[in-house]
Amino acid sequence: MTRVTVVGDVMLDVVARASGPTQPTSDTPAAVHVGRGGSAANAAMRLAAAGCAVTFVGAVGRDDVGRLVRLAFERAGVETLLLEVDEPTGVVVALVDEVGQRAMYTSRGANRRLSLDHVGRALDRSADHVHVSGYTVLDDETRSVGQGALDLARARVDSVSIDACSVGPLSRIGPGVFLAATASATTLFANEEEAVVLGGGSLNDALCELGERYREVVVTLGALGAVVRSDGTSERAPSIAREIVDTTGAGDAVTGAYLAARLRGESAREALDAAMAAAGRVVGGLGADGQSRR
């Protein structure tokens, strides 16, 4: 069985999609989902669902939310190495509009207390692949942890991945900082906005530029599907989503499904098709797993 270690953020997700115009000083009916979230945690769950043996490394508070996410991992068969800290477990509130796009209000909480010592002890275990959440690099308080995790991982295994995660903080720190911190990664995951920020110019320009830095570059294109740059060539796969309710977790589903397929020995195009199938299931419902329906 393929062994994967995932390092990064775990959150409590609160996702709300209003069923009508927002009433600023009153009540607005909405579909609401509450559950485990966080980019790294979402990817770990997807990898486990695809048959990988997954170890998740992160930080939680000594609180009810921390216990909730532990239980979610346990039910999914994901081993956890969670650092408990005296700070609340992270929370993100996502407000979803009528076309499924969302704005997120984030309190990273305990995620900011993740230490390289804790990660290093976890990486002493054998693994076939290590994935690190880009949020560890985007956050000034944990950038050294994210970079250190990537460097330690690459010294142990040949297959290491990173995702760009969020265009806002990525634009704030600038592409140079992110690219320097993630130089040890072999695979990059990003959406189109993030890829263009990192690579500059058009999407094709960005793919060529990033393809010189990473062995593989996977870029999601929303309703247009996704594209992978591997070995100097690009291949696309269409979206297969029938209905878009909420895009929360779709990119993480792509990450987990793509990695699982590649680690099974499938081609980049086959992995991209698997990623589109996973994303299509997620966007059909509320929350990172797409299981809550309107």
C-alpha atoms as a PDB file:
ATOM      1  CA  MET A   1       0.000   0.000   0.000  1.00  0.00           C
ATOM      2  CA  THR A   2       1.269   3.473  -0.915  1.00  0.00           C
ATOM      3  CA  ARG A   3       2.204   5.521   2.165  1.00  0.00           C
ATOM      4  CA  VAL A   4       1.645   9.279   2.120  1.00  0.00           C
ATOM      5  CA  THR A   5       2.421  11.871   4.787  1.00  0.00           C
ATOM      6  CA  VAL A   6       0.401  15.103   4.651  1.00  0.00           C
ATOM      7  CA  VAL A   7       1.591  18.176   6.551  1.00  0.00           C
ATOM      8  CA  GLY A   8      -0.447  21.299   7.192  1.00  0.00           C
ATOM      9  CA  ASP A   9      -3.735  22.819   8.176  1.00  0.00           C
ATOM     10  CA  VAL A  10      -6.846  21.327   9.723  1.00  0.00           C
ATOM     11  CA  MET A  11      -9.868  23.509  10.468  1.00  0.00           C
ATOM     12  CA  LEU A  12     -13.494  23.506  11.492  1.00  0.00           C
ATOM     13  CA  ASP A  13     -15.425  24.468   8.349  1.00  0.00           C
ATOM     14  CA  VAL A  14     -18.663  26.447   8.611  1.00  0.00           C
ATOM     15  CA  VAL A  15     -20.125  26.784   5.117  1.00  0.00           C
ATOM     16  CA  ALA A  16     -23.305  28.773   4.424  1.00  0.00           C
ATOM     17  CA  ARG A  17     -25.188  29.219   1.154  1.00  0.00           C
ATOM     18  CA  ALA A  18     -28.101  31.675   1.349  1.00  0.00           C
ATOM     19  CA  SER A  19     -31.337  30.687  -0.364  1.00  0.00           C
ATOM     20  CA  GLY A  20     -32.211  34.299  -1.120  1.00  0.00           C
ATOM     21  CA  PRO A  21     -30.948  37.894  -0.816  1.00  0.00           C
ATOM     22  CA  THR A  22     -29.033  38.615   2.385  1.00  0.00           C
ATOM     23  CA  GLN A  23     -31.042  40.529   5.000  1.00  0.00           C
ATOM     24  CA  PRO A  24     -28.368  42.708   6.659  1.00  0.00           C
ATOM     25  CA  THR A  25     -30.235  43.332   9.921  1.00  0.00           C
ATOM     26  CA  SER A  26     -32.391  40.215  10.055  1.00  0.00           C
ATOM     27  CA  ASP A  27     -32.426  36.470   9.312  1.00  0.00           C
ATOM     28  CA  THR A  28     -31.568  35.009   5.922  1.00  0.00           C
ATOM     29  CA  PRO A  29     -32.551  31.370   5.277  1.00  0.00           C
ATOM     30  CA  ALA A  30     -29.524  29.322   4.269  1.00  0.00           C
ATOM     31  CA  ALA A  31     -28.156  25.814   3.911  1.00  0.00           C
ATOM     32  CA  VAL A  32     -25.355  25.439   6.474  1.00  0.00           C
ATOM     33  CA  HIS A  33     -22.702  22.725   6.768  1.00  0.00           C
ATOM     34  CA  VAL A  34     -20.381  22.307   9.760  1.00  0.00           C
ATOM     35  CA  GLY A  35     -17.537  19.796   9.683  1.00  0.00           C
ATOM     36  CA  ARG A  36     -13.846  19.068   9.416  1.00  0.00           C
ATOM     37  CA  GLY A  37     -11.954  21.145   6.856  1.00  0.00           C
ATOM     38  CA  GLY A  38      -8.559  22.613   6.058  1.00  0.00           C
ATOM     39  CA  SER A  39      -6.715  22.208   2.760  1.00  0.00           C
ATOM     40  CA  ALA A  40      -4.197  19.634   3.995  1.00  0.00           C
ATOM     41  CA  ALA A  41      -6.835  17.675   5.904  1.00  0.00           C
ATOM     42  CA  ASN A  42      -9.111  17.606   2.846  1.00  0.00           C
ATOM     43  CA  ALA A  43      -6.295  16.257   0.669  1.00  0.00           C
ATOM     44  CA  ALA A  44      -5.447  13.633   3.298  1.00  0.00           C
ATOM     45  CA  MET A  45      -9.044  12.418   3.353  1.00  0.00           C
ATOM     46  CA  ARG A  46      -9.129  12.158  -0.436  1.00  0.00           C
ATOM     47  CA  LEU A  47      -5.865  10.193  -0.494  1.00  0.00           C
ATOM     48  CA  ALA A  48      -7.216   7.785   2.117  1.00  0.00           C
ATOM     49  CA  ALA A  49     -10.452   7.348   0.162  1.00  0.00           C
ATOM     50  CA  ALA A  50      -8.323   6.435  -2.872  1.00  0.00           C
ATOM     51  CA  GLY A  51      -6.631   3.620  -0.961  1.00  0.00           C
ATOM     52  CA  CYS A  52      -3.436   5.234   0.345  1.00  0.00           C
ATOM     53  CA  ALA A  53      -2.145   4.733   3.871  1.00  0.00           C
ATOM     54  CA  VAL A  54      -2.148   8.328   5.110  1.00  0.00           C
ATOM     55  CA  THR A  55      -0.521  10.014   8.095  1.00  0.00           C
ATOM     56  CA  PHE A  56      -1.666  13.565   8.810  1.00  0.00           C
ATOM     57  CA  VAL A  57       0.670  15.939  10.648  1.00  0.00           C
ATOM     58  CA  GLY A  58      -0.729  19.180  12.046  1.00  0.00           C
ATOM     59  CA  ALA A  59      -1.740  21.145  15.139  1.00  0.00           C
ATOM     60  CA  VAL A  60      -5.009  21.451  17.057  1.00  0.00           C
ATOM     61  CA  GLY A  61      -6.181  23.081  20.244  1.00  0.00           C
ATOM     62  CA  ARG A  62      -7.152  21.328  23.445  1.00  0.00           C
ATOM     63  CA  ASP A  63     -10.812  21.944  22.712  1.00  0.00           C
ATOM     64  CA  ASP A  64     -13.995  20.317  21.434  1.00  0.00           C
ATOM     65  CA  VAL A  65     -13.146  21.223  17.840  1.00  0.00           C
ATOM     66  CA  GLY A  66      -9.812  19.456  18.160  1.00  0.00           C
ATOM     67  CA  ARG A  67     -11.610  16.356  19.402  1.00  0.00           C
ATOM     68  CA  LEU A  68     -14.091  16.606  16.520  1.00  0.00           C
ATOM     69  CA  VAL A  69     -11.368  16.641  13.864  1.00  0.00           C
ATOM     70  CA  ARG A  70      -9.540  13.759  15.556  1.00  0.00           C
ATOM     71  CA  LEU A  71     -12.726  11.713  15.336  1.00  0.00           C
ATOM     72  CA  ALA A  72     -13.204  12.651  11.664  1.00  0.00           C
ATOM     73  CA  PHE A  73      -9.694  11.442  10.835  1.00  0.00           C
ATOM     74  CA  GLU A  74     -10.198   8.245  12.829  1.00  0.00           C
ATOM     75  CA  ARG A  75     -13.438   7.440  11.001  1.00  0.00           C
ATOM     76  CA  ALA A  76     -11.687   7.969   7.656  1.00  0.00           C
ATOM     77  CA  GLY A  77      -8.822   5.662   8.589  1.00  0.00           C
ATOM     78  CA  VAL A  78      -6.230   8.455   8.606  1.00  0.00           C
ATOM     79  CA  GLU A  79      -3.452   8.154  11.190  1.00  0.00           C
ATOM     80  CA  THR A  80      -2.799  11.448  12.985  1.00  0.00           C
ATOM     81  CA  LEU A  81       0.252  13.010  14.574  1.00  0.00           C
ATOM     82  CA  LEU A  82      -1.384  16.110  16.006  1.00  0.00           C
ATOM     83  CA  LEU A  83       0.467  18.647  18.124  1.00  0.00           C
ATOM     84  CA  GLU A  84      -1.866  19.885  20.888  1.00  0.00           C
ATOM     85  CA  VAL A  85      -1.393  23.564  21.734  1.00  0.00           C
ATOM     86  CA  ASP A  86      -2.960  26.141  24.036  1.00  0.00           C
ATOM     87  CA  GLU A  87      -4.747  27.926  21.227  1.00  0.00           C
ATOM     88  CA  PRO A  88      -8.160  27.241  19.652  1.00  0.00           C
ATOM     89  CA  THR A  89      -8.318  24.862  16.706  1.00  0.00           C
ATOM     90  CA  GLY A  90      -8.564  26.795  13.436  1.00  0.00           C
ATOM     91  CA  VAL A  91     -11.933  27.823  12.026  1.00  0.00           C
ATOM     92  CA  VAL A  92     -12.979  29.029   8.585  1.00  0.00           C
ATOM     93  CA  VAL A  93     -16.380  30.499   7.716  1.00  0.00           C
ATOM     94  CA  ALA A  94     -17.226  30.301   4.008  1.00  0.00           C
ATOM     95  CA  LEU A  95     -20.092  32.273   2.471  1.00  0.00           C
ATOM     96  CA  VAL A  96     -21.147  30.708  -0.822  1.00  0.00           C
ATOM     97  CA  ASP A  97     -22.885  32.668  -3.588  1.00  0.00           C
ATOM     98  CA  GLU A  98     -25.505  31.520  -6.093  1.00  0.00           C
ATOM     99  CA  VAL A  99     -22.912  30.099  -8.534  1.00  0.00           C
ATOM    100  CA  GLY A 100     -20.988  28.156  -5.884  1.00  0.00           C
ATOM    101  CA  GLN A 101     -18.037  30.520  -5.406  1.00  0.00           C
ATOM    102  CA  ARG A 102     -17.128  31.418  -1.858  1.00  0.00           C
ATOM    103  CA  ALA A 103     -15.544  34.095   0.279  1.00  0.00           C
ATOM    104  CA  MET A 104     -13.709  32.814   3.340  1.00  0.00           C
ATOM    105  CA  TYR A 105     -13.191  34.314   6.779  1.00  0.00           C
ATOM    106  CA  THR A 106     -10.318  32.469   8.415  1.00  0.00           C
ATOM    107  CA  SER A 107      -8.891  32.125  11.918  1.00  0.00           C
ATOM    108  CA  ARG A 108      -5.844  29.850  11.567  1.00  0.00           C
ATOM    109  CA  GLY A 109      -5.633  29.372  15.319  1.00  0.00           C
ATOM    110  CA  ALA A 110      -3.582  26.340  16.343  1.00  0.00           C
ATOM    111  CA  ASN A 111      -2.255  25.878  12.804  1.00  0.00           C
ATOM    112  CA  ARG A 112       0.117  28.774  13.466  1.00  0.00           C
ATOM    113  CA  ARG A 113       1.749  26.823  16.278  1.00  0.00           C
ATOM    114  CA  LEU A 114       2.899  23.884  14.175  1.00  0.00           C
ATOM    115  CA  SER A 115       6.610  23.343  14.805  1.00  0.00           C
ATOM    116  CA  LEU A 116       9.365  21.969  12.590  1.00  0.00           C
ATOM    117  CA  ASP A 117      10.482  19.693  15.444  1.00  0.00           C
ATOM    118  CA  HIS A 118       7.056  18.045  15.446  1.00  0.00           C
ATOM    119  CA  VAL A 119       7.037  17.733  11.650  1.00  0.00           C
ATOM    120  CA  GLY A 120      10.592  16.403  11.607  1.00  0.00           C
ATOM    121  CA  ARG A 121       9.732  13.588  14.002  1.00  0.00           C
ATOM    122  CA  ALA A 122       6.835  12.623  11.756  1.00  0.00           C
ATOM    123  CA  LEU A 123       9.020  12.669   8.652  1.00  0.00           C
ATOM    124  CA  ASP A 124      11.424  10.219  10.266  1.00  0.00           C
ATOM    125  CA  ARG A 125       8.807   7.597   9.401  1.00  0.00           C
ATOM    126  CA  SER A 126       9.000   6.005   5.974  1.00  0.00           C
ATOM    127  CA  ALA A 127       6.706   7.318   3.235  1.00  0.00           C
ATOM    128  CA  ASP A 128       6.414   7.094  -0.547  1.00  0.00           C
ATOM    129  CA  HIS A 129       5.254  10.706  -0.905  1.00  0.00           C
ATOM    130  CA  VAL A 130       4.992  13.836   1.240  1.00  0.00           C
ATOM    131  CA  HIS A 131       2.451  16.590   0.582  1.00  0.00           C
ATOM    132  CA  VAL A 132       2.706  19.971   2.318  1.00  0.00           C
ATOM    133  CA  SER A 133      -0.108  22.504   2.410  1.00  0.00           C
ATOM    134  CA  GLY A 134       0.815  25.854   0.900  1.00  0.00           C
ATOM    135  CA  TYR A 135      -0.854  27.639   3.806  1.00  0.00           C
ATOM    136  CA  THR A 136       2.187  26.805   5.913  1.00  0.00           C
ATOM    137  CA  VAL A 137       4.290  28.797   3.440  1.00  0.00           C
ATOM    138  CA  LEU A 138       1.785  31.632   2.937  1.00  0.00           C
ATOM    139  CA  ASP A 139       1.611  32.350   6.677  1.00  0.00           C
ATOM    140  CA  ASP A 140       4.604  34.390   7.905  1.00  0.00           C
ATOM    141  CA  GLU A 141       4.520  32.545  11.231  1.00  0.00           C
ATOM    142  CA  THR A 142       4.885  29.075   9.711  1.00  0.00           C
ATOM    143  CA  ARG A 143       6.810  29.711   6.471  1.00  0.00           C
ATOM    144  CA  SER A 144      10.004  28.301   7.934  1.00  0.00           C
ATOM    145  CA  VAL A 145       8.063  25.200   9.008  1.00  0.00           C
ATOM    146  CA  GLY A 146       6.637  24.727   5.520  1.00  0.00           C
ATOM    147  CA  GLN A 147       9.989  25.210   3.810  1.00  0.00           C
ATOM    148  CA  GLY A 148      11.730  23.013   6.361  1.00  0.00           C
ATOM    149  CA  ALA A 149       9.140  20.275   5.891  1.00  0.00           C
ATOM    150  CA  LEU A 150       9.654  20.328   2.119  1.00  0.00           C
ATOM    151  CA  ASP A 151      13.437  20.264   2.465  1.00  0.00           C
ATOM    152  CA  LEU A 152      13.377  17.412   5.000  1.00  0.00           C
ATOM    153  CA  ALA A 153      10.907  15.467   2.887  1.00  0.00           C
ATOM    154  CA  ARG A 154      12.948  15.810  -0.301  1.00  0.00           C
ATOM    155  CA  ALA A 155      16.021  14.542   1.529  1.00  0.00           C
ATOM    156  CA  ARG A 156      14.066  11.366   2.315  1.00  0.00           C
ATOM    157  CA  VAL A 157      11.806  10.763  -0.718  1.00  0.00           C
ATOM    158  CA  ASP A 158      11.828  11.726  -4.387  1.00  0.00           C
ATOM    159  CA  SER A 159       8.146  12.675  -4.593  1.00  0.00           C
ATOM    160  CA  VAL A 160       7.099  15.848  -2.731  1.00  0.00           C
ATOM    161  CA  SER A 161       4.168  18.178  -3.489  1.00  0.00           C
ATOM    162  CA  ILE A 162       2.906  21.641  -2.522  1.00  0.00           C
ATOM    163  CA  ASP A 163      -0.262  23.554  -3.326  1.00  0.00           C
ATOM    164  CA  ALA A 164      -0.573  27.323  -3.759  1.00  0.00           C
ATOM    165  CA  CYS A 165      -3.839  27.367  -1.754  1.00  0.00           C
ATOM    166  CA  SER A 166      -5.040  30.989  -1.892  1.00  0.00           C
ATOM    167  CA  VAL A 167      -4.422  33.862  -4.299  1.00  0.00           C
ATOM    168  CA  GLY A 168      -4.884  36.632  -1.708  1.00  0.00           C
ATOM    169  CA  PRO A 169      -2.046  35.729   0.674  1.00  0.00           C
ATOM    170  CA  LEU A 170       0.005  34.479  -2.287  1.00  0.00           C
ATOM    171  CA  SER A 171      -0.179  37.934  -3.880  1.00  0.00           C
ATOM    172  CA  ARG A 172       0.665  39.523  -0.533  1.00  0.00           C
ATOM    173  CA  ILE A 173       3.920  37.633  -0.003  1.00  0.00           C
ATOM    174  CA  GLY A 174       4.806  37.659  -3.704  1.00  0.00           C
ATOM    175  CA  PRO A 175       5.803  34.859  -6.077  1.00  0.00           C
ATOM    176  CA  GLY A 176       9.516  35.110  -5.273  1.00  0.00           C
ATOM    177  CA  VAL A 177       9.010  34.245  -1.616  1.00  0.00           C
ATOM    178  CA  PHE A 178       6.704  31.323  -2.382  1.00  0.00           C
ATOM    179  CA  LEU A 179       8.887  29.881  -5.147  1.00  0.00           C
ATOM    180  CA  ALA A 180      12.045  30.111  -3.032  1.00  0.00           C
ATOM    181  CA  ALA A 181      10.355  28.421  -0.071  1.00  0.00           C
ATOM    182  CA  THR A 182       8.974  25.584  -2.203  1.00  0.00           C
ATOM    183  CA  ALA A 183      12.044  24.850  -4.331  1.00  0.00           C
ATOM    184  CA  SER A 184      12.293  21.320  -2.911  1.00  0.00           C
ATOM    185  CA  ALA A 185       8.841  20.314  -4.171  1.00  0.00           C
ATOM    186  CA  THR A 186       8.530  18.176  -7.292  1.00  0.00           C
ATOM    187  CA  THR A 187       4.802  18.798  -7.934  1.00  0.00           C
ATOM    188  CA  LEU A 188       2.823  22.042  -7.708  1.00  0.00           C
ATOM    189  CA  PHE A 189      -0.961  22.330  -7.493  1.00  0.00           C
ATOM    190  CA  ALA A 190      -2.650  25.692  -8.170  1.00  0.00           C
ATOM    191  CA  ASN A 191      -5.745  27.233  -9.675  1.00  0.00           C
ATOM    192  CA  GLU A 192      -5.474  29.475 -12.725  1.00  0.00           C
ATOM    193  CA  GLU A 193      -5.276  32.731 -10.739  1.00  0.00           C
ATOM    194  CA  GLU A 194      -2.528  31.362  -8.510  1.00  0.00           C
ATOM    195  CA  ALA A 195      -0.564  29.926 -11.424  1.00  0.00           C
ATOM    196  CA  VAL A 196      -0.572  33.253 -13.261  1.00  0.00           C
ATOM    197  CA  VAL A 197       0.568  35.088 -10.123  1.00  0.00           C
ATOM    198  CA  LEU A 198       3.437  32.613  -9.735  1.00  0.00           C
ATOM    199  CA  GLY A 199       4.442  32.252 -13.377  1.00  0.00           C
ATOM    200  CA  GLY A 200       3.412  35.566 -14.900  1.00  0.00           C
ATOM    201  CA  GLY A 201       1.898  36.351 -18.284  1.00  0.00           C
ATOM    202  CA  SER A 202      -0.820  34.107 -19.714  1.00  0.00           C
ATOM    203  CA  LEU A 203      -1.738  30.666 -18.429  1.00  0.00           C
ATOM    204  CA  ASN A 204       0.466  29.063 -21.076  1.00  0.00           C
ATOM    205  CA  ASP A 205       3.358  31.338 -20.106  1.00  0.00           C
ATOM    206  CA  ALA A 206       2.866  30.398 -16.458  1.00  0.00           C
ATOM    207  CA  LEU A 207       2.769  26.678 -17.248  1.00  0.00           C
ATOM    208  CA  CYS A 208       6.020  26.905 -19.170  1.00  0.00           C
ATOM    209  CA  GLU A 209       7.731  28.959 -16.454  1.00  0.00           C
ATOM    210  CA  LEU A 210       6.518  26.783 -13.588  1.00  0.00           C
ATOM    211  CA  GLY A 211       7.280  23.652 -15.585  1.00  0.00           C
ATOM    212  CA  GLU A 212      10.937  24.638 -15.413  1.00  0.00           C
ATOM    213  CA  ARG A 213      10.769  24.718 -11.615  1.00  0.00           C
ATOM    214  CA  TYR A 214       8.614  21.691 -10.808  1.00  0.00           C
ATOM    215  CA  ARG A 215       8.510  18.215 -12.329  1.00  0.00           C
ATOM    216  CA  GLU A 216       4.722  18.442 -12.665  1.00  0.00           C
ATOM    217  CA  VAL A 217       2.333  21.393 -12.488  1.00  0.00           C
ATOM    218  CA  VAL A 218      -1.411  20.780 -12.097  1.00  0.00           C
ATOM    219  CA  VAL A 219      -3.691  23.791 -12.618  1.00  0.00           C
ATOM    220  CA  THR A 220      -7.456  23.761 -12.095  1.00  0.00           C
ATOM    221  CA  LEU A 221      -9.516  25.900 -14.482  1.00  0.00           C
ATOM    222  CA  GLY A 222     -12.939  25.962 -12.835  1.00  0.00           C
ATOM    223  CA  ALA A 223     -15.714  25.005 -15.259  1.00  0.00           C
ATOM    224  CA  LEU A 224     -13.084  24.409 -17.955  1.00  0.00           C
ATOM    225  CA  GLY A 225     -11.523  21.489 -16.072  1.00  0.00           C
ATOM    226  CA  ALA A 226      -7.787  21.265 -15.446  1.00  0.00           C
ATOM    227  CA  VAL A 227      -4.413  21.093 -17.171  1.00  0.00           C
ATOM    228  CA  VAL A 228      -1.182  19.313 -16.251  1.00  0.00           C
ATOM    229  CA  ARG A 229       2.312  20.230 -17.405  1.00  0.00           C
ATOM    230  CA  SER A 230       4.617  17.219 -17.244  1.00  0.00           C
ATOM    231  CA  ASP A 231       7.835  16.385 -19.101  1.00  0.00           C
ATOM    232  CA  GLY A 232       7.563  19.555 -21.194  1.00  0.00           C
ATOM    233  CA  THR A 233       4.071  18.847 -22.535  1.00  0.00           C
ATOM    234  CA  SER A 234       0.582  19.893 -21.427  1.00  0.00           C
ATOM    235  CA  GLU A 235      -2.624  17.862 -21.314  1.00  0.00           C
ATOM    236  CA  ARG A 236      -6.133  18.984 -20.424  1.00  0.00           C
ATOM    237  CA  ALA A 237      -9.159  17.234 -18.987  1.00  0.00           C
ATOM    238  CA  PRO A 238     -12.687  18.682 -18.981  1.00  0.00           C
ATOM    239  CA  SER A 239     -14.793  19.280 -15.894  1.00  0.00           C
ATOM    240  CA  ILE A 240     -17.487  16.661 -15.413  1.00  0.00           C
ATOM    241  CA  ALA A 241     -19.438  18.533 -12.733  1.00  0.00           C
ATOM    242  CA  ARG A 242     -23.170  18.461 -13.450  1.00  0.00           C
ATOM    243  CA  GLU A 243     -24.120  21.012 -10.823  1.00  0.00           C
ATOM    244  CA  ILE A 244     -21.991  23.458  -8.843  1.00  0.00           C
ATOM    245  CA  VAL A 245     -23.350  24.047  -5.359  1.00  0.00           C
ATOM    246  CA  ASP A 246     -20.123  24.891  -3.499  1.00  0.00           C
ATOM    247  CA  THR A 247     -16.488  24.866  -4.660  1.00  0.00           C
ATOM    248  CA  THR A 248     -15.120  24.451  -1.110  1.00  0.00           C
ATOM    249  CA  GLY A 249     -12.601  21.596  -1.122  1.00  0.00           C
ATOM    250  CA  ALA A 250     -12.688  21.016  -4.891  1.00  0.00           C
ATOM    251  CA  GLY A 251      -9.020  21.889  -5.356  1.00  0.00           C
ATOM    252  CA  ASP A 252      -8.056  19.640  -2.436  1.00  0.00           C
ATOM    253  CA  ALA A 253     -10.028  16.793  -4.008  1.00  0.00           C
ATOM    254  CA  VAL A 254      -8.022  17.331  -7.191  1.00  0.00           C
ATOM    255  CA  THR A 255      -4.784  17.202  -5.204  1.00  0.00           C
ATOM    256  CA  GLY A 256      -5.626  13.996  -3.365  1.00  0.00           C
ATOM    257  CA  ALA A 257      -7.111  12.127  -6.317  1.00  0.00           C
ATOM    258  CA  TYR A 258      -4.327  13.155  -8.704  1.00  0.00           C
ATOM    259  CA  LEU A 259      -1.563  12.163  -6.314  1.00  0.00           C
ATOM    260  CA  ALA A 260      -3.180   8.823  -5.503  1.00  0.00           C
ATOM    261  CA  ALA A 261      -3.456   7.956  -9.195  1.00  0.00           C
ATOM    262  CA  ARG A 262       0.101   8.993  -9.992  1.00  0.00           C
ATOM    263  CA  LEU A 263       1.418   7.018  -7.035  1.00  0.00           C
ATOM    264  CA  ARG A 264      -0.440   3.982  -8.400  1.00  0.00           C
ATOM    265  CA  GLY A 265       1.560   4.368 -11.611  1.00  0.00           C
ATOM    266  CA  GLU A 266      -1.151   5.942 -13.767  1.00  0.00           C
ATOM    267  CA  SER A 267      -0.300   8.478 -16.475  1.00  0.00           C
ATOM    268  CA  ALA A 268      -0.659  12.220 -15.916  1.00  0.00           C
ATOM    269  CA  ARG A 269      -3.784  12.281 -18.101  1.00  0.00           C
ATOM    270  CA  GLU A 270      -5.344   9.335 -16.287  1.00  0.00           C
ATOM    271  CA  ALA A 271      -4.613  11.023 -12.969  1.00  0.00           C
ATOM    272  CA  LEU A 272      -6.165  14.258 -14.231  1.00  0.00           C
ATOM    273  CA  ASP A 273      -9.347  12.397 -15.217  1.00  0.00           C
ATOM    274  CA  ALA A 274      -9.510  10.875 -11.718  1.00  0.00           C
ATOM    275  CA  ALA A 275      -9.027  14.340 -10.230  1.00  0.00           C
ATOM    276  CA  MET A 276     -11.898  15.776 -12.290  1.00  0.00           C
ATOM    277  CA  ALA A 277     -14.173  12.950 -11.158  1.00  0.00           C
ATOM    278  CA  ALA A 278     -13.321  13.650  -7.502  1.00  0.00           C
ATOM    279  CA  ALA A 279     -13.849  17.398  -7.884  1.00  0.00           C
ATOM    280  CA  GLY A 280     -17.160  16.833  -9.668  1.00  0.00           C
ATOM    281  CA  ARG A 281     -18.479  14.903  -6.686  1.00  0.00           C
ATOM    282  CA  VAL A 282     -17.351  17.548  -4.189  1.00  0.00           C
ATOM    283  CA  VAL A 283     -18.889  20.595  -5.900  1.00  0.00           C
ATOM    284  CA  GLY A 284     -22.326  18.972  -5.984  1.00  0.00           C
ATOM    285  CA  GLY A 285     -22.890  19.595  -2.278  1.00  0.00           C
ATOM    286  CA  LEU A 286     -21.895  21.857   0.604  1.00  0.00           C
ATOM    287  CA  GLY A 287     -18.591  21.415   2.396  1.00  0.00           C
ATOM    288  CA  ALA A 288     -15.220  19.918   1.594  1.00  0.00           C
ATOM    289  CA  ASP A 289     -16.640  16.413   1.084  1.00  0.00           C
ATOM    290  CA  GLY A 290     -19.683  17.538  -0.894  1.00  0.00           C
ATOM    291  CA  GLN A 291     -21.945  15.368   1.241  1.00  0.00           C
ATOM    292  CA  SER A 292     -24.370  18.023   2.538  1.00  0.00           C
ATOM    293  CA  ARG A 293     -27.042  18.861  -0.022  1.00  0.00           C
ATOM    294  CA  ARG A 294     -29.076  21.989  -0.276  1.00  0.00           C
END
